[in-house]
């Protein structure tokens, strides 16, 4: 009898242990899974589908792509700005040289002595036969030209194809070009048409620091 009682006690205790194990174990079966691939455990749904196992990777990929989408345009913008900056600081810039020459032609033809000041460096190393003079002196020489040669008006044309630019150092360039003049003179017996070779030295601020010319032809 004692043996039977002991066996019954052991059997009961084993059953209790097995019941505890069953309660603590998560038993996965097709019957307990729902159509959406979730399994219910104590009112909690756990999803074990392949899609959810890869969702974390997809989220990480999205983050990486988003970061790339932000960084790449920023880098391109920086490189573009750098390129633009380099292009604008390049010396000499031929377009700016051409603009200076055209401004010179317009201002000198109209004898606009106020605007004339913006063409030259504060100190001009050479202006024809004068050396190391300031802007005021250059303006006075411009004014004296018409009086000296009896010029009442003038029209000129610049030959763009004749433009030559030679960089002498980081701060200056030598510029030469051909320009023809038609003068309205007090003395009509004097020559009124000239073909000149003009010479400038221009600094990196695109100001004239040297100016002189030679007559190629006159009639």
N, C-alpha and C. Protein backbone atom coordinates (compact mmCIF):
# COMPACT_ATOMS: atom_id res chain seq x y z
N UNK A 1 0.84 -1.20 0.00
CA UNK A 1 0.00 0.00 0.00
C UNK A 1 0.87 1.26 0.00
N UNK A 2 1.88 1.20 0.80
CA UNK A 2 2.77 2.38 0.87
C UNK A 2 3.44 2.67 -0.46
N UNK A 3 3.78 1.56 -1.13
CA UNK A 3 4.43 1.73 -2.44
C UNK A 3 3.47 2.37 -3.43
N UNK A 4 2.19 1.90 -3.41
CA UNK A 4 1.19 2.46 -4.32
C UNK A 4 0.97 3.95 -4.02
N UNK A 5 0.89 4.28 -2.74
CA UNK A 5 0.71 5.68 -2.37
C UNK A 5 1.89 6.54 -2.85
N UNK A 6 3.09 5.97 -2.68
CA UNK A 6 4.27 6.70 -3.12
C UNK A 6 4.27 6.93 -4.63
N UNK A 7 3.84 5.85 -5.35
CA UNK A 7 3.78 5.97 -6.82
C UNK A 7 2.77 7.02 -7.23
N UNK A 8 1.60 7.01 -6.54
CA UNK A 8 0.58 8.01 -6.87
C UNK A 8 1.09 9.43 -6.61
N UNK A 9 1.79 9.59 -5.49
CA UNK A 9 2.34 10.91 -5.18
C UNK A 9 3.34 11.36 -6.24
N UNK A 10 4.24 10.40 -6.64
CA UNK A 10 5.22 10.73 -7.67
C UNK A 10 4.54 11.11 -9.00
N UNK A 11 3.52 10.32 -9.31
CA UNK A 11 2.79 10.57 -10.57
C UNK A 11 2.14 11.95 -10.54
N UNK A 12 1.51 12.32 -9.44
CA UNK A 12 0.88 13.62 -9.31
C UNK A 12 1.91 14.75 -9.42
N UNK A 13 3.05 14.55 -8.74
CA UNK A 13 4.08 15.59 -8.79
C UNK A 13 4.65 15.76 -10.18
N UNK A 14 4.80 14.64 -10.93
CA UNK A 14 5.28 14.71 -12.32
C UNK A 14 4.29 15.43 -13.21
N UNK A 15 2.99 15.12 -12.96
CA UNK A 15 1.96 15.79 -13.74
C UNK A 15 1.98 17.30 -13.50
N UNK A 16 2.15 17.67 -12.23
CA UNK A 16 2.21 19.09 -11.91
C UNK A 16 3.39 19.77 -12.61
N UNK A 17 4.54 19.08 -12.58
CA UNK A 17 5.73 19.65 -13.24
C UNK A 17 5.51 19.80 -14.74
N UNK A 18 4.90 18.72 -15.33
CA UNK A 18 4.65 18.78 -16.76
C UNK A 18 3.69 19.90 -17.12
N UNK A 19 2.66 20.08 -16.24
CA UNK A 19 1.71 21.16 -16.49
C UNK A 19 2.38 22.53 -16.44
N UNK A 20 3.31 22.67 -15.43
CA UNK A 20 4.03 23.93 -15.33
C UNK A 20 4.87 24.19 -16.58
N UNK A 21 5.53 23.12 -17.06
CA UNK A 21 6.35 23.26 -18.26
C UNK A 21 5.51 23.65 -19.47
N UNK A 22 4.34 23.01 -19.60
CA UNK A 22 3.46 23.31 -20.72
C UNK A 22 3.01 24.77 -20.68
N UNK A 23 2.71 25.24 -19.46
CA UNK A 23 2.27 26.63 -19.33
C UNK A 23 3.39 27.60 -19.69
N UNK A 24 4.63 27.23 -19.34
CA UNK A 24 5.76 28.14 -19.58
C UNK A 24 6.29 28.05 -21.01
N UNK A 25 5.94 26.96 -21.72
CA UNK A 25 6.44 26.76 -23.08
C UNK A 25 5.50 27.40 -24.09
N UNK A 26 6.07 27.92 -25.16
CA UNK A 26 5.29 28.46 -26.25
C UNK A 26 5.18 27.38 -27.30
N UNK A 27 3.96 26.83 -27.49
CA UNK A 27 3.75 25.74 -28.44
C UNK A 27 3.21 26.34 -29.72
N UNK A 28 3.98 26.24 -30.80
CA UNK A 28 3.60 26.81 -32.08
C UNK A 28 2.98 25.72 -32.94
N UNK A 29 1.82 25.95 -33.43
CA UNK A 29 1.15 24.98 -34.30
C UNK A 29 0.35 25.73 -35.34
N UNK A 30 0.05 25.05 -36.44
CA UNK A 30 -0.72 25.66 -37.52
C UNK A 30 -2.11 26.03 -37.04
N UNK A 31 -2.66 25.26 -36.12
CA UNK A 31 -4.03 25.51 -35.67
C UNK A 31 -4.12 26.81 -34.88
N UNK A 32 -3.04 27.13 -34.13
CA UNK A 32 -3.09 28.32 -33.29
C UNK A 32 -2.72 29.60 -34.05
N UNK A 33 -2.17 29.48 -35.25
CA UNK A 33 -1.76 30.67 -36.00
C UNK A 33 -2.94 31.25 -36.75
N UNK A 34 -2.93 32.57 -36.87
CA UNK A 34 -3.98 33.26 -37.58
C UNK A 34 -3.61 33.42 -39.05
N UNK A 35 -4.56 33.90 -39.83
CA UNK A 35 -4.33 34.04 -41.28
C UNK A 35 -3.23 35.03 -41.60
N UNK A 36 -3.01 36.02 -40.73
CA UNK A 36 -2.00 37.04 -41.01
C UNK A 36 -0.62 36.65 -40.53
N UNK A 37 -0.48 35.38 -40.10
CA UNK A 37 0.84 34.89 -39.71
C UNK A 37 1.17 35.17 -38.28
N UNK A 38 0.20 35.58 -37.42
CA UNK A 38 0.49 35.86 -36.02
C UNK A 38 0.04 34.69 -35.15
N UNK A 39 0.63 34.61 -34.00
CA UNK A 39 0.29 33.56 -33.03
C UNK A 39 -0.14 34.22 -31.74
N UNK A 40 -1.27 33.78 -31.21
CA UNK A 40 -1.79 34.38 -30.00
C UNK A 40 -1.26 33.66 -28.77
N UNK A 41 -0.71 34.43 -27.86
CA UNK A 41 -0.24 33.88 -26.58
C UNK A 41 -0.65 34.86 -25.49
N UNK A 42 -1.62 34.40 -24.64
CA UNK A 42 -2.11 35.23 -23.55
C UNK A 42 -2.53 36.62 -24.06
N UNK A 43 -3.35 36.60 -25.12
CA UNK A 43 -3.88 37.84 -25.71
C UNK A 43 -2.81 38.73 -26.35
N UNK A 44 -1.61 38.17 -26.52
CA UNK A 44 -0.53 38.91 -27.19
C UNK A 44 -0.23 38.24 -28.51
N UNK A 45 -0.17 39.02 -29.58
CA UNK A 45 0.07 38.45 -30.91
C UNK A 45 1.54 38.63 -31.27
N UNK A 46 2.16 37.52 -31.66
CA UNK A 46 3.56 37.54 -32.07
C UNK A 46 3.61 37.13 -33.53
N UNK A 47 4.24 37.94 -34.35
CA UNK A 47 4.30 37.69 -35.78
C UNK A 47 5.63 37.05 -36.13
N UNK A 48 5.58 35.91 -36.79
CA UNK A 48 6.79 35.19 -37.16
C UNK A 48 6.90 35.04 -38.68
N UNK A 49 6.23 35.89 -39.44
CA UNK A 49 6.27 35.76 -40.90
C UNK A 49 7.62 36.23 -41.43
N UNK A 50 7.97 35.74 -42.64
CA UNK A 50 9.25 36.11 -43.26
C UNK A 50 9.35 37.59 -43.54
N UNK A 51 8.18 38.21 -43.85
CA UNK A 51 8.19 39.64 -44.13
C UNK A 51 8.64 40.43 -42.92
N UNK A 52 8.16 40.08 -41.74
CA UNK A 52 8.52 40.82 -40.54
C UNK A 52 9.95 40.58 -40.12
N UNK A 53 10.45 39.36 -40.41
CA UNK A 53 11.85 39.10 -40.08
C UNK A 53 12.76 39.99 -40.91
N UNK A 54 12.32 40.38 -42.15
CA UNK A 54 13.13 41.24 -43.01
C UNK A 54 12.80 42.71 -42.88
N UNK A 55 11.79 43.04 -42.08
CA UNK A 55 11.37 44.44 -41.97
C UNK A 55 12.44 45.32 -41.36
N UNK A 56 13.17 44.77 -40.41
CA UNK A 56 14.24 45.55 -39.78
C UNK A 56 15.31 45.91 -40.80
N UNK A 57 15.63 44.92 -41.67
CA UNK A 57 16.63 45.19 -42.71
C UNK A 57 16.12 46.26 -43.67
N UNK A 58 14.83 46.17 -44.02
CA UNK A 58 14.26 47.15 -44.93
C UNK A 58 14.28 48.55 -44.33
N UNK A 59 13.99 48.63 -43.02
CA UNK A 59 14.01 49.94 -42.35
C UNK A 59 15.42 50.52 -42.37
N UNK A 60 16.41 49.65 -42.13
CA UNK A 60 17.80 50.11 -42.15
C UNK A 60 18.18 50.59 -43.55
N UNK A 61 17.71 49.83 -44.58
CA UNK A 61 18.01 50.21 -45.96
C UNK A 61 17.38 51.56 -46.30
N UNK A 62 16.14 51.76 -45.81
CA UNK A 62 15.46 53.04 -46.03
C UNK A 62 16.26 54.19 -45.44
N UNK A 63 16.77 53.96 -44.21
CA UNK A 63 17.55 55.00 -43.53
C UNK A 63 18.81 55.32 -44.32
N UNK A 64 19.50 54.23 -44.79
CA UNK A 64 20.73 54.42 -45.55
C UNK A 64 20.46 55.20 -46.83
N UNK A 65 19.39 54.81 -47.56
CA UNK A 65 19.05 55.49 -48.80
C UNK A 65 18.67 56.95 -48.56
N UNK A 66 17.97 57.19 -47.44
CA UNK A 66 17.58 58.56 -47.10
C UNK A 66 18.82 59.41 -46.85
N UNK A 67 19.77 58.84 -46.08
CA UNK A 67 21.02 59.56 -45.78
C UNK A 67 21.78 59.86 -47.06
N UNK A 68 21.85 58.85 -47.95
CA UNK A 68 22.54 59.04 -49.22
C UNK A 68 21.85 60.12 -50.04
N UNK A 69 20.51 60.09 -50.03
CA UNK A 69 19.73 61.08 -50.77
C UNK A 69 19.96 62.49 -50.28
N UNK A 70 20.32 62.64 -49.01
CA UNK A 70 20.60 63.96 -48.45
C UNK A 70 22.04 64.37 -48.71
N UNK A 71 22.97 63.43 -48.48
CA UNK A 71 24.40 63.75 -48.54
C UNK A 71 24.85 64.04 -49.97
N UNK A 72 24.40 63.20 -50.94
CA UNK A 72 24.88 63.34 -52.31
C UNK A 72 24.55 64.72 -52.89
N UNK A 73 23.28 65.20 -52.79
CA UNK A 73 23.00 66.55 -53.30
C UNK A 73 23.81 67.65 -52.63
N UNK A 74 24.04 67.48 -51.32
CA UNK A 74 24.82 68.49 -50.59
C UNK A 74 26.25 68.53 -51.12
N UNK A 75 26.84 67.33 -51.33
CA UNK A 75 28.20 67.28 -51.86
C UNK A 75 28.27 67.87 -53.26
N UNK A 76 27.25 67.58 -54.08
CA UNK A 76 27.23 68.12 -55.43
C UNK A 76 27.12 69.64 -55.41
N UNK A 77 26.31 70.14 -54.48
CA UNK A 77 26.16 71.60 -54.36
C UNK A 77 27.48 72.24 -53.94
N UNK A 78 28.19 71.60 -52.99
CA UNK A 78 29.48 72.12 -52.53
C UNK A 78 30.48 72.15 -53.68
N UNK A 79 30.54 71.04 -54.45
CA UNK A 79 31.46 70.97 -55.57
C UNK A 79 31.12 72.00 -56.63
N UNK A 80 29.80 72.18 -56.86
CA UNK A 80 29.35 73.16 -57.84
C UNK A 80 29.75 74.57 -57.42
N UNK A 81 29.55 74.88 -56.12
CA UNK A 81 29.90 76.20 -55.60
C UNK A 81 31.40 76.45 -55.69
N UNK A 82 32.16 75.36 -55.41
CA UNK A 82 33.62 75.47 -55.48
C UNK A 82 34.06 75.77 -56.90
N UNK A 83 33.42 75.05 -57.88
CA UNK A 83 33.75 75.26 -59.28
C UNK A 83 33.41 76.68 -59.71
N UNK A 84 32.20 77.12 -59.31
CA UNK A 84 31.78 78.48 -59.65
C UNK A 84 32.70 79.51 -59.04
N UNK A 85 33.09 79.26 -57.78
CA UNK A 85 33.98 80.19 -57.09
C UNK A 85 35.32 80.29 -57.80
N UNK A 86 35.87 79.10 -58.22
CA UNK A 86 37.15 79.09 -58.91
C UNK A 86 37.06 79.82 -60.24
N UNK A 87 35.89 79.64 -60.93
CA UNK A 87 35.75 80.28 -62.22
C UNK A 87 35.64 81.79 -62.10
N UNK A 88 35.00 82.28 -61.03
CA UNK A 88 34.83 83.72 -60.87
C UNK A 88 36.12 84.40 -60.40
N UNK A 89 37.00 83.68 -59.71
CA UNK A 89 38.24 84.27 -59.21
C UNK A 89 39.40 84.08 -60.18
N UNK A 90 39.15 83.42 -61.29
CA UNK A 90 40.20 83.20 -62.27
C UNK A 90 40.67 84.54 -62.84
N UNK A 91 41.97 84.69 -62.94
CA UNK A 91 42.54 85.92 -63.50
C UNK A 91 43.58 85.55 -64.56
N UNK A 92 43.47 86.14 -65.74
CA UNK A 92 42.48 87.13 -66.14
C UNK A 92 41.20 86.49 -66.68
N UNK A 93 40.10 87.17 -66.48
CA UNK A 93 38.82 86.78 -67.06
C UNK A 93 38.65 87.57 -68.36
N UNK A 94 38.65 86.88 -69.48
CA UNK A 94 38.62 87.57 -70.77
C UNK A 94 37.36 88.43 -70.94
N UNK A 95 36.24 87.95 -70.44
CA UNK A 95 35.00 88.73 -70.55
C UNK A 95 35.11 90.06 -69.82
N UNK A 96 35.75 90.04 -68.66
CA UNK A 96 35.91 91.28 -67.90
C UNK A 96 36.89 92.23 -68.59
N UNK A 97 37.89 91.67 -69.23
CA UNK A 97 38.81 92.50 -70.02
C UNK A 97 38.07 93.16 -71.18
N UNK A 98 37.23 92.38 -71.85
CA UNK A 98 36.45 92.92 -72.96
C UNK A 98 35.49 94.00 -72.49
N UNK A 99 34.88 93.79 -71.32
CA UNK A 99 33.98 94.80 -70.76
C UNK A 99 34.72 96.08 -70.45
N UNK A 100 35.92 95.96 -69.89
CA UNK A 100 36.75 97.13 -69.60
C UNK A 100 37.06 97.91 -70.87
N UNK A 101 37.42 97.21 -71.93
CA UNK A 101 37.77 97.86 -73.20
C UNK A 101 36.55 98.57 -73.79
N UNK A 102 35.41 97.92 -73.74
CA UNK A 102 34.19 98.53 -74.28
C UNK A 102 33.79 99.76 -73.45
N UNK A 103 33.92 99.67 -72.13
CA UNK A 103 33.66 100.84 -71.27
C UNK A 103 34.61 101.99 -71.62
N UNK A 104 35.85 101.63 -71.84
CA UNK A 104 36.86 102.63 -72.21
C UNK A 104 36.44 103.34 -73.51
N UNK A 105 36.06 102.56 -74.51
CA UNK A 105 35.65 103.14 -75.80
C UNK A 105 34.46 104.09 -75.64
N UNK A 106 33.45 103.62 -74.90
CA UNK A 106 32.23 104.42 -74.71
C UNK A 106 32.52 105.71 -73.96
N UNK A 107 33.28 105.62 -72.88
CA UNK A 107 33.55 106.77 -72.02
C UNK A 107 34.44 107.80 -72.71
N UNK A 108 35.48 107.34 -73.40
CA UNK A 108 36.40 108.28 -74.04
C UNK A 108 35.75 108.94 -75.26
N UNK A 109 34.91 108.19 -75.98
CA UNK A 109 34.22 108.78 -77.14
C UNK A 109 33.25 109.88 -76.72
N UNK A 110 32.63 109.69 -75.56
CA UNK A 110 31.65 110.67 -75.08
C UNK A 110 32.29 111.75 -74.21
N UNK A 111 33.61 111.62 -73.97
CA UNK A 111 34.35 112.55 -73.10
C UNK A 111 33.68 112.67 -71.72
N UNK A 112 33.27 111.52 -71.20
CA UNK A 112 32.63 111.47 -69.88
C UNK A 112 33.73 111.36 -68.82
N UNK A 113 34.20 112.52 -68.37
CA UNK A 113 35.38 112.53 -67.50
C UNK A 113 35.08 112.03 -66.08
N UNK A 114 33.82 112.11 -65.67
CA UNK A 114 33.47 111.60 -64.34
C UNK A 114 33.57 110.07 -64.33
N UNK A 115 32.98 109.44 -65.37
CA UNK A 115 33.05 107.98 -65.46
C UNK A 115 34.45 107.49 -65.79
N UNK A 116 35.24 108.37 -66.35
CA UNK A 116 36.61 108.02 -66.73
C UNK A 116 37.42 107.53 -65.53
N UNK A 117 37.09 108.04 -64.38
CA UNK A 117 37.83 107.69 -63.16
C UNK A 117 37.76 106.18 -62.83
N UNK A 118 36.65 105.56 -63.17
CA UNK A 118 36.46 104.16 -62.79
C UNK A 118 37.30 103.19 -63.64
N UNK A 119 37.91 103.73 -64.69
CA UNK A 119 38.70 102.88 -65.59
C UNK A 119 40.10 102.59 -65.06
N UNK A 120 40.63 103.50 -64.21
CA UNK A 120 42.05 103.47 -63.88
C UNK A 120 42.33 103.10 -62.43
N UNK A 121 43.53 102.60 -62.24
CA UNK A 121 44.03 102.33 -60.90
C UNK A 121 44.32 103.66 -60.19
N UNK A 122 44.31 103.70 -58.86
CA UNK A 122 44.59 104.97 -58.15
C UNK A 122 45.91 105.62 -58.58
N UNK A 123 46.90 104.78 -58.84
CA UNK A 123 48.17 105.28 -59.37
C UNK A 123 48.41 104.62 -60.72
N UNK A 124 48.58 105.44 -61.74
CA UNK A 124 48.81 104.94 -63.10
C UNK A 124 50.31 105.01 -63.38
N UNK A 125 50.89 103.87 -63.67
CA UNK A 125 52.34 103.80 -63.86
C UNK A 125 52.78 104.53 -65.14
N UNK A 126 51.92 104.44 -66.14
CA UNK A 126 52.24 105.17 -67.38
C UNK A 126 50.94 105.56 -68.08
N UNK A 127 50.87 106.82 -68.49
CA UNK A 127 49.78 107.29 -69.35
C UNK A 127 50.44 108.07 -70.47
N UNK A 128 50.67 107.38 -71.57
CA UNK A 128 51.41 107.91 -72.70
C UNK A 128 52.80 108.39 -72.25
N UNK A 129 53.07 109.68 -72.23
CA UNK A 129 54.41 110.14 -71.85
C UNK A 129 54.50 110.58 -70.39
N UNK A 130 53.48 110.31 -69.62
CA UNK A 130 53.50 110.65 -68.18
C UNK A 130 53.60 109.36 -67.37
N UNK A 131 54.32 109.45 -66.24
CA UNK A 131 54.58 108.25 -65.46
C UNK A 131 54.24 108.48 -63.98
N UNK A 132 53.71 107.41 -63.39
CA UNK A 132 53.38 107.40 -61.95
C UNK A 132 52.54 108.62 -61.54
N UNK A 133 51.38 108.71 -62.14
CA UNK A 133 50.47 109.83 -61.85
C UNK A 133 49.16 109.29 -61.27
N UNK A 134 48.43 110.17 -60.59
CA UNK A 134 47.16 109.74 -59.99
C UNK A 134 46.00 109.93 -60.97
N UNK A 135 44.81 109.52 -60.53
CA UNK A 135 43.64 109.56 -61.41
C UNK A 135 43.30 110.99 -61.82
N UNK A 136 43.42 111.93 -60.91
CA UNK A 136 43.10 113.32 -61.24
C UNK A 136 43.96 113.81 -62.41
N UNK A 137 45.22 113.43 -62.38
CA UNK A 137 46.12 113.84 -63.47
C UNK A 137 45.73 113.18 -64.79
N UNK A 138 45.29 111.93 -64.72
CA UNK A 138 44.85 111.22 -65.92
C UNK A 138 43.63 111.92 -66.51
N UNK A 139 42.69 112.31 -65.67
CA UNK A 139 41.47 113.00 -66.14
C UNK A 139 41.83 114.32 -66.81
N UNK A 140 42.76 115.06 -66.23
CA UNK A 140 43.18 116.34 -66.83
C UNK A 140 43.79 116.13 -68.21
N UNK A 141 44.57 115.05 -68.36
CA UNK A 141 45.17 114.77 -69.66
C UNK A 141 44.11 114.37 -70.69
N UNK A 142 43.10 113.65 -70.23
CA UNK A 142 41.98 113.32 -71.11
C UNK A 142 41.30 114.61 -71.61
N UNK A 143 41.07 115.51 -70.69
CA UNK A 143 40.40 116.77 -71.04
C UNK A 143 41.24 117.59 -72.02
N UNK A 144 42.55 117.57 -71.83
CA UNK A 144 43.43 118.40 -72.68
C UNK A 144 43.57 117.84 -74.09
N UNK A 145 43.22 116.56 -74.28
CA UNK A 145 43.40 115.93 -75.59
C UNK A 145 42.58 116.65 -76.67
N UNK A 146 41.29 116.85 -76.41
CA UNK A 146 40.42 117.47 -77.41
C UNK A 146 40.88 118.89 -77.75
N UNK A 147 41.32 119.62 -76.72
CA UNK A 147 41.79 120.99 -76.95
C UNK A 147 43.09 120.98 -77.76
N UNK A 148 43.95 120.07 -77.40
CA UNK A 148 45.27 120.01 -78.04
C UNK A 148 45.17 119.69 -79.53
N UNK A 149 44.28 118.77 -79.89
CA UNK A 149 44.20 118.34 -81.29
C UNK A 149 42.97 118.89 -82.01
N UNK A 150 42.26 119.80 -81.35
CA UNK A 150 41.12 120.44 -81.99
C UNK A 150 40.02 119.45 -82.36
N UNK A 151 39.72 118.54 -81.45
CA UNK A 151 38.72 117.50 -81.72
C UNK A 151 37.38 117.92 -81.11
N UNK A 152 36.35 117.97 -81.96
CA UNK A 152 35.01 118.31 -81.48
C UNK A 152 34.18 117.07 -81.17
N UNK A 153 34.53 115.94 -81.74
CA UNK A 153 33.82 114.69 -81.50
C UNK A 153 34.56 113.53 -82.15
N UNK A 154 34.26 112.32 -81.73
CA UNK A 154 34.96 111.16 -82.31
C UNK A 154 34.08 109.91 -82.19
N UNK A 155 34.32 109.04 -83.14
CA UNK A 155 33.67 107.72 -83.15
C UNK A 155 34.76 106.69 -83.37
N UNK A 156 34.71 105.61 -82.59
CA UNK A 156 35.74 104.58 -82.74
C UNK A 156 35.12 103.19 -82.82
N UNK A 157 35.91 102.27 -83.31
CA UNK A 157 35.50 100.88 -83.42
C UNK A 157 36.65 99.99 -82.98
N UNK A 158 36.37 98.99 -82.16
CA UNK A 158 37.39 98.07 -81.66
C UNK A 158 37.30 96.75 -82.43
N UNK A 159 38.43 96.26 -82.88
CA UNK A 159 38.48 94.98 -83.58
C UNK A 159 38.71 93.86 -82.55
N UNK A 160 37.61 93.17 -82.23
CA UNK A 160 37.67 92.15 -81.17
C UNK A 160 38.65 91.03 -81.51
N UNK A 161 38.75 90.69 -82.79
CA UNK A 161 39.65 89.59 -83.19
C UNK A 161 41.12 89.94 -82.97
N UNK A 162 41.41 91.23 -82.79
CA UNK A 162 42.80 91.65 -82.59
C UNK A 162 43.21 91.61 -81.12
N UNK A 163 42.27 91.30 -80.23
CA UNK A 163 42.56 91.32 -78.79
C UNK A 163 43.58 90.25 -78.41
N UNK A 164 44.62 90.69 -77.70
CA UNK A 164 45.65 89.78 -77.19
C UNK A 164 45.84 90.06 -75.70
N UNK A 165 45.83 88.99 -74.91
CA UNK A 165 45.99 89.12 -73.46
C UNK A 165 47.16 88.25 -73.03
N UNK A 166 48.15 88.86 -72.39
CA UNK A 166 49.32 88.13 -71.90
C UNK A 166 49.47 88.36 -70.40
N UNK A 167 49.43 87.29 -69.65
CA UNK A 167 49.57 87.40 -68.20
C UNK A 167 51.05 87.53 -67.86
N UNK A 168 51.39 88.62 -67.20
CA UNK A 168 52.79 88.85 -66.84
C UNK A 168 53.12 88.31 -65.45
N UNK A 169 52.16 88.39 -64.54
CA UNK A 169 52.30 87.80 -63.21
C UNK A 169 50.90 87.60 -62.62
N UNK A 170 50.82 87.28 -61.34
CA UNK A 170 49.53 86.98 -60.73
C UNK A 170 48.64 88.22 -60.59
N UNK A 171 49.23 89.40 -60.73
CA UNK A 171 48.48 90.62 -60.48
C UNK A 171 48.24 91.49 -61.71
N UNK A 172 48.91 91.19 -62.81
CA UNK A 172 48.81 92.06 -63.98
C UNK A 172 48.80 91.28 -65.28
N UNK A 173 48.15 91.89 -66.28
CA UNK A 173 48.17 91.34 -67.64
C UNK A 173 48.44 92.47 -68.63
N UNK A 174 49.09 92.13 -69.72
CA UNK A 174 49.27 93.07 -70.83
C UNK A 174 48.16 92.82 -71.85
N UNK A 175 47.55 93.89 -72.29
CA UNK A 175 46.43 93.80 -73.23
C UNK A 175 46.71 94.68 -74.43
N UNK A 176 46.47 94.15 -75.62
CA UNK A 176 46.60 94.97 -76.83
C UNK A 176 45.43 94.68 -77.77
N UNK A 177 45.05 95.69 -78.54
CA UNK A 177 43.95 95.54 -79.50
C UNK A 177 44.03 96.69 -80.51
N UNK A 178 43.36 96.51 -81.63
CA UNK A 178 43.32 97.55 -82.67
C UNK A 178 42.03 98.34 -82.54
N UNK A 179 42.14 99.65 -82.75
CA UNK A 179 40.99 100.53 -82.68
C UNK A 179 41.11 101.58 -83.76
N UNK A 180 40.02 101.79 -84.51
CA UNK A 180 40.05 102.87 -85.50
C UNK A 180 39.22 104.06 -85.01
N UNK A 181 39.63 105.25 -85.45
CA UNK A 181 38.97 106.48 -85.03
C UNK A 181 38.55 107.30 -86.25
N UNK A 182 37.38 107.90 -86.12
CA UNK A 182 36.95 108.92 -87.06
C UNK A 182 36.73 110.19 -86.25
N UNK A 183 37.51 111.22 -86.54
CA UNK A 183 37.49 112.46 -85.75
C UNK A 183 36.77 113.57 -86.49
N UNK A 184 36.04 114.37 -85.72
CA UNK A 184 35.46 115.62 -86.21
C UNK A 184 36.38 116.72 -85.70
N UNK A 185 37.16 117.34 -86.62
CA UNK A 185 38.22 118.27 -86.22
C UNK A 185 37.90 119.70 -86.67
N UNK A 186 38.46 120.62 -85.87
CA UNK A 186 38.33 122.03 -86.23
C UNK A 186 39.00 122.31 -87.58
N UNK A 187 40.18 121.75 -87.75
CA UNK A 187 40.93 121.93 -88.99
C UNK A 187 40.64 120.74 -89.90
N UNK A 188 39.83 120.96 -90.89
CA UNK A 188 39.41 119.87 -91.78
C UNK A 188 40.50 119.42 -92.75
N UNK A 189 41.62 120.16 -92.78
CA UNK A 189 42.72 119.76 -93.67
C UNK A 189 43.59 118.67 -93.04
N UNK A 190 43.41 118.47 -91.77
CA UNK A 190 44.19 117.44 -91.07
C UNK A 190 43.50 116.08 -91.18
N UNK A 191 44.31 115.05 -90.97
CA UNK A 191 43.77 113.68 -91.05
C UNK A 191 42.67 113.47 -90.02
N UNK A 192 41.66 112.78 -90.47
CA UNK A 192 40.52 112.55 -89.56
C UNK A 192 40.29 111.06 -89.25
N UNK A 193 41.00 110.17 -89.95
CA UNK A 193 40.84 108.73 -89.72
C UNK A 193 42.17 108.12 -89.30
N UNK A 194 42.08 107.29 -88.24
CA UNK A 194 43.29 106.68 -87.68
C UNK A 194 43.02 105.21 -87.35
N UNK A 195 44.03 104.40 -87.59
CA UNK A 195 44.01 103.01 -87.10
C UNK A 195 45.13 102.88 -86.08
N UNK A 196 44.76 102.57 -84.85
CA UNK A 196 45.72 102.54 -83.74
C UNK A 196 45.88 101.14 -83.16
N UNK A 197 47.06 100.91 -82.63
CA UNK A 197 47.29 99.74 -81.78
C UNK A 197 47.36 100.26 -80.35
N UNK A 198 46.38 99.85 -79.53
CA UNK A 198 46.32 100.31 -78.15
C UNK A 198 46.98 99.28 -77.24
N UNK A 199 47.67 99.79 -76.20
CA UNK A 199 48.32 98.92 -75.23
C UNK A 199 47.86 99.30 -73.82
N UNK A 200 47.42 98.31 -73.07
CA UNK A 200 47.05 98.48 -71.66
C UNK A 200 47.85 97.49 -70.82
N UNK A 201 48.10 97.90 -69.59
CA UNK A 201 48.44 96.94 -68.54
C UNK A 201 47.30 97.03 -67.53
N UNK A 202 46.73 95.88 -67.21
CA UNK A 202 45.54 95.82 -66.35
C UNK A 202 45.86 94.99 -65.11
N UNK A 203 45.44 95.50 -63.94
CA UNK A 203 45.70 94.75 -62.71
C UNK A 203 44.56 93.77 -62.41
N UNK A 204 44.70 93.03 -61.30
CA UNK A 204 43.70 92.00 -60.99
C UNK A 204 42.38 92.57 -60.47
N UNK A 205 42.31 93.90 -60.36
CA UNK A 205 41.04 94.57 -60.06
C UNK A 205 40.39 95.08 -61.35
N UNK A 206 41.02 94.74 -62.46
CA UNK A 206 40.55 95.15 -63.78
C UNK A 206 40.51 96.67 -63.92
N UNK A 207 41.61 97.26 -63.47
CA UNK A 207 41.84 98.69 -63.61
C UNK A 207 43.09 98.89 -64.48
N UNK A 208 43.06 99.95 -65.28
CA UNK A 208 44.20 100.24 -66.15
C UNK A 208 45.32 100.89 -65.34
N UNK A 209 46.50 100.30 -65.41
CA UNK A 209 47.66 100.87 -64.72
C UNK A 209 48.69 101.42 -65.71
N UNK A 210 48.44 101.12 -66.99
CA UNK A 210 49.35 101.62 -68.02
C UNK A 210 48.59 101.72 -69.34
N UNK A 211 48.81 102.85 -70.07
CA UNK A 211 48.13 103.04 -71.36
C UNK A 211 49.02 103.84 -72.30
N UNK A 212 49.14 103.32 -73.53
CA UNK A 212 49.81 104.06 -74.59
C UNK A 212 49.37 103.45 -75.92
N UNK A 213 49.82 104.01 -77.04
CA UNK A 213 49.36 103.54 -78.35
C UNK A 213 50.41 103.82 -79.41
N UNK A 214 50.22 103.17 -80.55
CA UNK A 214 51.03 103.49 -81.73
C UNK A 214 50.09 103.61 -82.93
N UNK A 215 50.40 104.51 -83.83
CA UNK A 215 49.58 104.74 -85.01
C UNK A 215 50.01 103.75 -86.11
N UNK A 216 49.08 102.91 -86.53
CA UNK A 216 49.35 101.96 -87.62
C UNK A 216 49.15 102.64 -88.98
N UNK A 217 48.09 103.44 -89.03
CA UNK A 217 47.75 104.09 -90.30
C UNK A 217 46.91 105.33 -90.01
N UNK A 218 47.07 106.35 -90.84
CA UNK A 218 46.22 107.55 -90.73
C UNK A 218 45.97 108.13 -92.12
N UNK A 219 44.82 108.71 -92.29
CA UNK A 219 44.48 109.31 -93.58
C UNK A 219 43.37 110.34 -93.43
